[in-house]
Amino acid sequence: MQNLHQKITETVIEYRKQEGLLIELTQEADFTKFYLELGYSSLFEYLNLGQGISAATVSNLITVARKAVQIPAMKEAIDSGEVGLAKLRK
């Protein structure tokens, strides 16, 4: 049971790191608008239809990515594992 707990804990830490990376990549995509060259009309459409991320998650991701440009502490909180994407969307 302790082994399972350890694996879950490690996976949650890695998940949070990946959330932080996805926020960075979303910020870059929002800035460069490269998705237009791929035929998508919006960042939302690219992440939702092109990448298969649920509409609710894409909405949260874009909201947090844009807010984190103005408030860098938001992304730092995700990177450190303090909070996840869902909590920061509010």
PDB file of N, CA and C in Angstrom:
ATOM      1  N   MET A   1       0.826  -1.197   0.000  1.00  0.00           N
ATOM      2  CA  MET A   1       0.000   0.000   0.000  1.00  0.00           C
ATOM      3  C   MET A   1       0.874   1.266   0.000  1.00  0.00           C
ATOM      4  N   GLN A   2       1.966   1.248   0.746  1.00  0.00           N
ATOM      5  CA  GLN A   2       2.875   2.392   0.789  1.00  0.00           C
ATOM      6  C   GLN A   2       3.486   2.645  -0.588  1.00  0.00           C
ATOM      7  N   ASN A   3       3.783   1.573  -1.317  1.00  0.00           N
ATOM      8  CA  ASN A   3       4.354   1.696  -2.655  1.00  0.00           C
ATOM      9  C   ASN A   3       3.371   2.397  -3.596  1.00  0.00           C
ATOM     10  N   LEU A   4       2.104   2.016  -3.511  1.00  0.00           N
ATOM     11  CA  LEU A   4       1.076   2.654  -4.340  1.00  0.00           C
ATOM     12  C   LEU A   4       0.959   4.133  -3.992  1.00  0.00           C
ATOM     13  N   HIS A   5       0.965   4.432  -2.702  1.00  0.00           N
ATOM     14  CA  HIS A   5       0.896   5.827  -2.252  1.00  0.00           C
ATOM     15  C   HIS A   5       2.066   6.627  -2.829  1.00  0.00           C
ATOM     16  N   GLN A   6       3.262   6.066  -2.760  1.00  0.00           N
ATOM     17  CA  GLN A   6       4.455   6.742  -3.272  1.00  0.00           C
ATOM     18  C   GLN A   6       4.341   6.994  -4.767  1.00  0.00           C
ATOM     19  N   LYS A   7       3.862   6.010  -5.521  1.00  0.00           N
ATOM     20  CA  LYS A   7       3.708   6.159  -6.968  1.00  0.00           C
ATOM     21  C   LYS A   7       2.695   7.244  -7.307  1.00  0.00           C
ATOM     22  N   ILE A   8       1.596   7.271  -6.578  1.00  0.00           N
ATOM     23  CA  ILE A   8       0.578   8.301  -6.816  1.00  0.00           C
ATOM     24  C   ILE A   8       1.154   9.681  -6.509  1.00  0.00           C
ATOM     25  N   THR A   9       1.848   9.804  -5.393  1.00  0.00           N
ATOM     26  CA  THR A   9       2.448  11.082  -5.014  1.00  0.00           C
ATOM     27  C   THR A   9       3.419  11.570  -6.082  1.00  0.00           C
ATOM     28  N   GLU A  10       4.283  10.689  -6.558  1.00  0.00           N
ATOM     29  CA  GLU A  10       5.245  11.052  -7.600  1.00  0.00           C
ATOM     30  C   GLU A  10       4.547  11.435  -8.899  1.00  0.00           C
ATOM     31  N   THR A  11       3.481  10.723  -9.226  1.00  0.00           N
ATOM     32  CA  THR A  11       2.738  11.009 -10.454  1.00  0.00           C
ATOM     33  C   THR A  11       2.044  12.362 -10.372  1.00  0.00           C
ATOM     34  N   VAL A  12       1.499  12.695  -9.217  1.00  0.00           N
ATOM     35  CA  VAL A  12       0.854  14.002  -9.037  1.00  0.00           C
ATOM     36  C   VAL A  12       1.880  15.120  -9.208  1.00  0.00           C
ATOM     37  N   ILE A  13       3.069  14.945  -8.662  1.00  0.00           N
ATOM     38  CA  ILE A  13       4.122  15.950  -8.816  1.00  0.00           C
ATOM     39  C   ILE A  13       4.470  16.127 -10.290  1.00  0.00           C
ATOM     40  N   GLU A  14       4.625  15.019 -10.998  1.00  0.00           N
ATOM     41  CA  GLU A  14       4.941  15.082 -12.431  1.00  0.00           C
ATOM     42  C   GLU A  14       3.790  15.712 -13.220  1.00  0.00           C
ATOM     43  N   TYR A  15       2.562  15.375 -12.852  1.00  0.00           N
ATOM     44  CA  TYR A  15       1.376  15.941 -13.507  1.00  0.00           C
ATOM     45  C   TYR A  15       1.375  17.457 -13.383  1.00  0.00           C
ATOM     46  N   ARG A  16       1.671  17.951 -12.199  1.00  0.00           N
ATOM     47  CA  ARG A  16       1.700  19.397 -11.979  1.00  0.00           C
ATOM     48  C   ARG A  16       2.795  20.061 -12.803  1.00  0.00           C
ATOM     49  N   LYS A  17       3.947  19.390 -12.917  1.00  0.00           N
ATOM     50  CA  LYS A  17       5.022  19.939 -13.745  1.00  0.00           C
ATOM     51  C   LYS A  17       4.575  20.027 -15.201  1.00  0.00           C
ATOM     52  N   GLN A  18       3.884  19.006 -15.654  1.00  0.00           N
ATOM     53  CA  GLN A  18       3.407  18.995 -17.035  1.00  0.00           C
ATOM     54  C   GLN A  18       2.342  20.067 -17.249  1.00  0.00           C
ATOM     55  N   GLU A  19       1.516  20.318 -16.234  1.00  0.00           N
ATOM     56  CA  GLU A  19       0.544  21.414 -16.334  1.00  0.00           C
ATOM     57  C   GLU A  19       1.266  22.740 -16.544  1.00  0.00           C
ATOM     58  N   GLY A  20       2.327  22.955 -15.790  1.00  0.00           N
ATOM     59  CA  GLY A  20       3.108  24.183 -15.936  1.00  0.00           C
ATOM     60  C   GLY A  20       3.694  24.314 -17.329  1.00  0.00           C
ATOM     61  N   LEU A  21       4.205  23.218 -17.857  1.00  0.00           N
ATOM     62  CA  LEU A  21       4.759  23.229 -19.211  1.00  0.00           C
ATOM     63  C   LEU A  21       3.668  23.506 -20.239  1.00  0.00           C
ATOM     64  N   LEU A  22       2.508  22.891 -20.057  1.00  0.00           N
ATOM     65  CA  LEU A  22       1.405  23.114 -20.991  1.00  0.00           C
ATOM     66  C   LEU A  22       0.943  24.572 -20.958  1.00  0.00           C
ATOM     67  N   ILE A  23       0.972  25.189 -19.804  1.00  0.00           N
ATOM     68  CA  ILE A  23       0.635  26.613 -19.709  1.00  0.00           C
ATOM     69  C   ILE A  23       1.648  27.442 -20.495  1.00  0.00           C
ATOM     70  N   GLU A  24       2.933  27.138 -20.340  1.00  0.00           N
ATOM     71  CA  GLU A  24       3.969  27.859 -21.095  1.00  0.00           C
ATOM     72  C   GLU A  24       3.764  27.709 -22.598  1.00  0.00           C
ATOM     73  N   LEU A  25       3.505  26.490 -23.036  1.00  0.00           N
ATOM     74  CA  LEU A  25       3.312  26.240 -24.462  1.00  0.00           C
ATOM     75  C   LEU A  25       2.051  26.924 -24.977  1.00  0.00           C
ATOM     76  N   THR A  26       1.021  26.968 -24.151  1.00  0.00           N
ATOM     77  CA  THR A  26      -0.216  27.653 -24.531  1.00  0.00           C
ATOM     78  C   THR A  26       0.037  29.150 -24.666  1.00  0.00           C
ATOM     79  N   GLN A  27       0.825  29.710 -23.761  1.00  0.00           N
ATOM     80  CA  GLN A  27       1.179  31.125 -23.864  1.00  0.00           C
ATOM     81  C   GLN A  27       1.929  31.402 -25.168  1.00  0.00           C
ATOM     82  N   GLU A  28       2.867  30.534 -25.504  1.00  0.00           N
ATOM     83  CA  GLU A  28       3.634  30.713 -26.738  1.00  0.00           C
ATOM     84  C   GLU A  28       2.733  30.587 -27.961  1.00  0.00           C
ATOM     85  N   ALA A  29       1.840  29.602 -27.943  1.00  0.00           N
ATOM     86  CA  ALA A  29       0.911  29.423 -29.063  1.00  0.00           C
ATOM     87  C   ALA A  29      -0.010  30.628 -29.191  1.00  0.00           C
ATOM     88  N   ASP A  30      -0.449  31.165 -28.060  1.00  0.00           N
ATOM     89  CA  ASP A  30      -1.323  32.336 -28.065  1.00  0.00           C
ATOM     90  C   ASP A  30      -0.587  33.541 -28.654  1.00  0.00           C
ATOM     91  N   PHE A  31       0.685  33.668 -28.340  1.00  0.00           N
ATOM     92  CA  PHE A  31       1.492  34.786 -28.830  1.00  0.00           C
ATOM     93  C   PHE A  31       1.808  34.650 -30.321  1.00  0.00           C
ATOM     94  N   THR A  32       2.236  33.456 -30.743  1.00  0.00           N
ATOM     95  CA  THR A  32       2.674  33.265 -32.132  1.00  0.00           C
ATOM     96  C   THR A  32       1.528  33.003 -33.100  1.00  0.00           C
ATOM     97  N   LYS A  33       0.422  32.483 -32.575  1.00  0.00           N
ATOM     98  CA  LYS A  33      -0.754  32.143 -33.389  1.00  0.00           C
ATOM     99  C   LYS A  33      -0.407  31.152 -34.509  1.00  0.00           C
ATOM    100  N   PHE A  34       0.544  30.258 -34.248  1.00  0.00           N
ATOM    101  CA  PHE A  34       0.975  29.282 -35.248  1.00  0.00           C
ATOM    102  C   PHE A  34      -0.154  28.367 -35.706  1.00  0.00           C
ATOM    103  N   TYR A  35      -1.142  28.198 -34.855  1.00  0.00           N
ATOM    104  CA  TYR A  35      -2.262  27.305 -35.162  1.00  0.00           C
ATOM    105  C   TYR A  35      -3.048  27.776 -36.389  1.00  0.00           C
ATOM    106  N   LEU A  36      -2.962  29.069 -36.707  1.00  0.00           N
ATOM    107  CA  LEU A  36      -3.638  29.581 -37.905  1.00  0.00           C
ATOM    108  C   LEU A  36      -3.053  28.944 -39.163  1.00  0.00           C
ATOM    109  N   GLU A  37      -1.740  28.731 -39.150  1.00  0.00           N
ATOM    110  CA  GLU A  37      -1.074  28.096 -40.288  1.00  0.00           C
ATOM    111  C   GLU A  37      -1.496  26.635 -40.447  1.00  0.00           C
ATOM    112  N   LEU A  38      -1.991  26.048 -39.371  1.00  0.00           N
ATOM    113  CA  LEU A  38      -2.451  24.659 -39.409  1.00  0.00           C
ATOM    114  C   LEU A  38      -3.929  24.558 -39.775  1.00  0.00           C
ATOM    115  N   GLY A  39      -4.565  25.714 -39.996  1.00  0.00           N
ATOM    116  CA  GLY A  39      -5.956  25.722 -40.413  1.00  0.00           C
ATOM    117  C   GLY A  39      -6.976  25.864 -39.297  1.00  0.00           C
ATOM    118  N   TYR A  40      -6.513  26.113 -38.076  1.00  0.00           N
ATOM    119  CA  TYR A  40      -7.440  26.312 -36.960  1.00  0.00           C
ATOM    120  C   TYR A  40      -7.733  27.799 -36.819  1.00  0.00           C
ATOM    121  N   SER A  41      -8.976  28.127 -36.533  1.00  0.00           N
ATOM    122  CA  SER A  41      -9.366  29.534 -36.467  1.00  0.00           C
ATOM    123  C   SER A  41      -9.076  30.176 -35.116  1.00  0.00           C
ATOM    124  N   SER A  42      -8.798  29.360 -34.111  1.00  0.00           N
ATOM    125  CA  SER A  42      -8.544  29.900 -32.778  1.00  0.00           C
ATOM    126  C   SER A  42      -7.668  28.937 -31.982  1.00  0.00           C
ATOM    127  N   LEU A  43      -7.103  29.460 -30.919  1.00  0.00           N
ATOM    128  CA  LEU A  43      -6.323  28.626 -30.007  1.00  0.00           C
ATOM    129  C   LEU A  43      -7.232  27.585 -29.367  1.00  0.00           C
ATOM    130  N   PHE A  44      -8.434  27.998 -29.025  1.00  0.00           N
ATOM    131  CA  PHE A  44      -9.400  27.069 -28.436  1.00  0.00           C
ATOM    132  C   PHE A  44      -9.650  25.895 -29.382  1.00  0.00           C
ATOM    133  N   GLU A  45      -9.917  26.201 -30.634  1.00  0.00           N
ATOM    134  CA  GLU A  45     -10.199  25.146 -31.616  1.00  0.00           C
ATOM    135  C   GLU A  45      -9.000  24.214 -31.769  1.00  0.00           C
ATOM    136  N   TYR A  46      -7.812  24.785 -31.813  1.00  0.00           N
ATOM    137  CA  TYR A  46      -6.601  23.970 -31.954  1.00  0.00           C
ATOM    138  C   TYR A  46      -6.446  23.000 -30.781  1.00  0.00           C
ATOM    139  N   LEU A  47      -6.579  23.519 -29.555  1.00  0.00           N
ATOM    140  CA  LEU A  47      -6.392  22.665 -28.387  1.00  0.00           C
ATOM    141  C   LEU A  47      -7.523  21.656 -28.226  1.00  0.00           C
ATOM    142  N   ASN A  48      -8.736  22.088 -28.532  1.00  0.00           N
ATOM    143  CA  ASN A  48      -9.899  21.213 -28.373  1.00  0.00           C
ATOM    144  C   ASN A  48      -9.977  20.163 -29.480  1.00  0.00           C
ATOM    145  N   LEU A  49     -10.058  20.617 -30.700  1.00  0.00           N
ATOM    146  CA  LEU A  49     -10.224  19.684 -31.818  1.00  0.00           C
ATOM    147  C   LEU A  49      -8.899  19.073 -32.266  1.00  0.00           C
ATOM    148  N   GLY A  50      -7.869  19.889 -32.324  1.00  0.00           N
ATOM    149  CA  GLY A  50      -6.583  19.410 -32.820  1.00  0.00           C
ATOM    150  C   GLY A  50      -5.826  18.536 -31.838  1.00  0.00           C
ATOM    151  N   GLN A  51      -5.972  18.843 -30.558  1.00  0.00           N
ATOM    152  CA  GLN A  51      -5.233  18.095 -29.545  1.00  0.00           C
ATOM    153  C   GLN A  51      -6.120  17.187 -28.695  1.00  0.00           C
ATOM    154  N   GLY A  52      -7.426  17.302 -28.854  1.00  0.00           N
ATOM    155  CA  GLY A  52      -8.338  16.410 -28.141  1.00  0.00           C
ATOM    156  C   GLY A  52      -8.507  16.707 -26.661  1.00  0.00           C
ATOM    157  N   ILE A  53      -8.236  17.940 -26.268  1.00  0.00           N
ATOM    158  CA  ILE A  53      -8.430  18.338 -24.875  1.00  0.00           C
ATOM    159  C   ILE A  53      -9.880  18.790 -24.715  1.00  0.00           C
ATOM    160  N   SER A  54     -10.512  18.411 -23.624  1.00  0.00           N
ATOM    161  CA  SER A  54     -11.921  18.758 -23.428  1.00  0.00           C
ATOM    162  C   SER A  54     -12.119  20.268 -23.451  1.00  0.00           C
ATOM    163  N   ALA A  55     -13.308  20.684 -23.854  1.00  0.00           N
ATOM    164  CA  ALA A  55     -13.626  22.110 -23.949  1.00  0.00           C
ATOM    165  C   ALA A  55     -13.446  22.808 -22.604  1.00  0.00           C
ATOM    166  N   ALA A  56     -13.871  22.168 -21.529  1.00  0.00           N
ATOM    167  CA  ALA A  56     -13.746  22.775 -20.200  1.00  0.00           C
ATOM    168  C   ALA A  56     -12.281  22.967 -19.818  1.00  0.00           C
ATOM    169  N   THR A  57     -11.461  21.964 -20.091  1.00  0.00           N
ATOM    170  CA  THR A  57     -10.039  22.063 -19.767  1.00  0.00           C
ATOM    171  C   THR A  57      -9.354  23.118 -20.621  1.00  0.00           C
ATOM    172  N   VAL A  58      -9.700  23.179 -21.903  1.00  0.00           N
ATOM    173  CA  VAL A  58      -9.119  24.193 -22.791  1.00  0.00           C
ATOM    174  C   VAL A  58      -9.483  25.589 -22.300  1.00  0.00           C
ATOM    175  N   SER A  59     -10.719  25.775 -21.919  1.00  0.00           N
ATOM    176  CA  SER A  59     -11.153  27.074 -21.414  1.00  0.00           C
ATOM    177  C   SER A  59     -10.332  27.472 -20.186  1.00  0.00           C
ATOM    178  N   ASN A  60     -10.167  26.532 -19.252  1.00  0.00           N
ATOM    179  CA  ASN A  60      -9.361  26.796 -18.054  1.00  0.00           C
ATOM    180  C   ASN A  60      -7.913  27.084 -18.419  1.00  0.00           C
ATOM    181  N   LEU A  61      -7.373  26.294 -19.315  1.00  0.00           N
ATOM    182  CA  LEU A  61      -5.975  26.427 -19.717  1.00  0.00           C
ATOM    183  C   LEU A  61      -5.695  27.793 -20.336  1.00  0.00           C
ATOM    184  N   ILE A  62      -6.537  28.204 -21.251  1.00  0.00           N
ATOM    185  CA  ILE A  62      -6.346  29.501 -21.907  1.00  0.00           C
ATOM    186  C   ILE A  62      -6.511  30.644 -20.905  1.00  0.00           C
ATOM    187  N   THR A  63      -7.512  30.540 -20.043  1.00  0.00           N
ATOM    188  CA  THR A  63      -7.733  31.576 -19.030  1.00  0.00           C
ATOM    189  C   THR A  63      -6.515  31.729 -18.127  1.00  0.00           C
ATOM    190  N   VAL A  64      -6.016  30.609 -17.611  1.00  0.00           N
ATOM    191  CA  VAL A  64      -4.860  30.654 -16.711  1.00  0.00           C
ATOM    192  C   VAL A  64      -3.609  31.112 -17.454  1.00  0.00           C
ATOM    193  N   ALA A  65      -3.405  30.631 -18.671  1.00  0.00           N
ATOM    194  CA  ALA A  65      -2.222  31.026 -19.446  1.00  0.00           C
ATOM    195  C   ALA A  65      -2.196  32.533 -19.665  1.00  0.00           C
ATOM    196  N   ARG A  66      -3.337  33.100 -19.987  1.00  0.00           N
ATOM    197  CA  ARG A  66      -3.395  34.546 -20.228  1.00  0.00           C
ATOM    198  C   ARG A  66      -3.231  35.342 -18.939  1.00  0.00           C
ATOM    199  N   LYS A  67      -3.847  34.874 -17.848  1.00  0.00           N
ATOM    200  CA  LYS A  67      -3.702  35.570 -16.569  1.00  0.00           C
ATOM    201  C   LYS A  67      -2.268  35.481 -16.059  1.00  0.00           C
ATOM    202  N   ALA A  68      -1.627  34.336 -16.302  1.00  0.00           N
ATOM    203  CA  ALA A  68      -0.265  34.125 -15.804  1.00  0.00           C
ATOM    204  C   ALA A  68       0.748  35.032 -16.489  1.00  0.00           C
ATOM    205  N   VAL A  69       0.418  35.534 -17.673  1.00  0.00           N
ATOM    206  CA  VAL A  69       1.289  36.515 -18.328  1.00  0.00           C
ATOM    207  C   VAL A  69       1.318  37.786 -17.485  1.00  0.00           C
ATOM    208  N   GLN A  70       0.170  38.153 -16.944  1.00  0.00           N
ATOM    209  CA  GLN A  70       0.054  39.361 -16.127  1.00  0.00           C
ATOM    210  C   GLN A  70       0.481  39.120 -14.681  1.00  0.00           C
ATOM    211  N   ILE A  71       0.272  37.871 -14.211  1.00  0.00           N
ATOM    212  CA  ILE A  71       0.574  37.530 -12.819  1.00  0.00           C
ATOM    213  C   ILE A  71       1.454  36.276 -12.807  1.00  0.00           C
ATOM    214  N   PRO A  72       2.766  36.428 -12.979  1.00  0.00           N
ATOM    215  CA  PRO A  72       3.664  35.272 -13.066  1.00  0.00           C
ATOM    216  C   PRO A  72       3.607  34.340 -11.852  1.00  0.00           C
ATOM    217  N   ALA A  73       3.195  34.842 -10.706  1.00  0.00           N
ATOM    218  CA  ALA A  73       3.111  34.001  -9.508  1.00  0.00           C
ATOM    219  C   ALA A  73       2.122  32.853  -9.691  1.00  0.00           C
ATOM    220  N   MET A  74       1.169  33.027 -10.589  1.00  0.00           N
ATOM    221  CA  MET A  74       0.201  31.951 -10.845  1.00  0.00           C
ATOM    222  C   MET A  74       0.912  30.720 -11.389  1.00  0.00           C
ATOM    223  N   LYS A  75       1.746  30.920 -12.388  1.00  0.00           N
ATOM    224  CA  LYS A  75       2.456  29.789 -12.975  1.00  0.00           C
ATOM    225  C   LYS A  75       3.465  29.213 -11.998  1.00  0.00           C
ATOM    226  N   GLU A  76       4.108  30.063 -11.237  1.00  0.00           N
ATOM    227  CA  GLU A  76       5.056  29.599 -10.226  1.00  0.00           C
ATOM    228  C   GLU A  76       4.361  28.696  -9.213  1.00  0.00           C
ATOM    229  N   ALA A  77       3.121  29.030  -8.871  1.00  0.00           N
ATOM    230  CA  ALA A  77       2.361  28.206  -7.927  1.00  0.00           C
ATOM    231  C   ALA A  77       2.079  26.822  -8.502  1.00  0.00           C
ATOM    232  N   ILE A  78       1.804  26.748  -9.790  1.00  0.00           N
ATOM    233  CA  ILE A  78       1.588  25.449 -10.429  1.00  0.00           C
ATOM    234  C   ILE A  78       2.903  24.686 -10.506  1.00  0.00           C
ATOM    235  N   ASP A  79       3.961  25.352 -10.942  1.00  0.00           N
ATOM    236  CA  ASP A  79       5.269  24.699 -11.068  1.00  0.00           C
ATOM    237  C   ASP A  79       5.739  24.115  -9.742  1.00  0.00           C
ATOM    238  N   SER A  80       5.456  24.809  -8.660  1.00  0.00           N
ATOM    239  CA  SER A  80       5.898  24.348  -7.341  1.00  0.00           C
ATOM    240  C   SER A  80       4.988  23.264  -6.775  1.00  0.00           C
ATOM    241  N   GLY A  81       3.841  23.043  -7.414  1.00  0.00           N
ATOM    242  CA  GLY A  81       2.913  22.023  -6.932  1.00  0.00           C
ATOM    243  C   GLY A  81       1.928  22.530  -5.897  1.00  0.00           C
ATOM    244  N   GLU A  82       1.946  23.823  -5.633  1.00  0.00           N
ATOM    245  CA  GLU A  82       1.031  24.398  -4.647  1.00  0.00           C
ATOM    246  C   GLU A  82      -0.427  24.237  -5.059  1.00  0.00           C
ATOM    247  N   VAL A  83      -0.708  24.502  -6.322  1.00  0.00           N
ATOM    248  CA  VAL A  83      -2.080  24.432  -6.828  1.00  0.00           C
ATOM    249  C   VAL A  83      -2.079  23.855  -8.233  1.00  0.00           C
ATOM    250  N   GLY A  84      -3.256  23.452  -8.655  1.00  0.00           N
ATOM    251  CA  GLY A  84      -3.412  22.940 -10.008  1.00  0.00           C
ATOM    252  C   GLY A  84      -4.161  23.927 -10.884  1.00  0.00           C
ATOM    253  N   LEU A  85      -4.246  23.581 -12.133  1.00  0.00           N
ATOM    254  CA  LEU A  85      -4.899  24.418 -13.135  1.00  0.00           C
ATOM    255  C   LEU A  85      -6.335  24.739 -12.745  1.00  0.00           C
ATOM    256  N   ALA A  86      -7.066  23.758 -12.272  1.00  0.00           N
ATOM    257  CA  ALA A  86      -8.484  23.949 -11.954  1.00  0.00           C
ATOM    258  C   ALA A  86      -8.697  25.011 -10.877  1.00  0.00           C
ATOM    259  N   LYS A  87      -7.824  25.054  -9.871  1.00  0.00           N
ATOM    260  CA  LYS A  87      -7.977  26.050  -8.809  1.00  0.00           C
ATOM    261  C   LYS A  87      -7.659  27.460  -9.291  1.00  0.00           C
ATOM    262  N   LEU A  88      -6.698  27.575 -10.194  1.00  0.00           N
ATOM    263  CA  LEU A  88      -6.277  28.901 -10.654  1.00  0.00           C
ATOM    264  C   LEU A  88      -7.229  29.532 -11.649  1.00  0.00           C
ATOM    265  N   ARG A  89      -8.100  28.774 -12.229  1.00  0.00           N
ATOM    266  CA  ARG A  89      -8.986  29.323 -13.257  1.00  0.00           C
ATOM    267  C   ARG A  89      -9.939  30.355 -12.688  1.00  0.00           C
ATOM    268  N   LYS A  90     -10.164  30.335 -11.408  1.00  0.00           N
ATOM    269  CA  LYS A  90     -11.163  31.203 -10.766  1.00  0.00           C
ATOM    270  C   LYS A  90     -10.685  32.582 -10.591  1.00  0.00           C
TER     271      LYS A  90
END
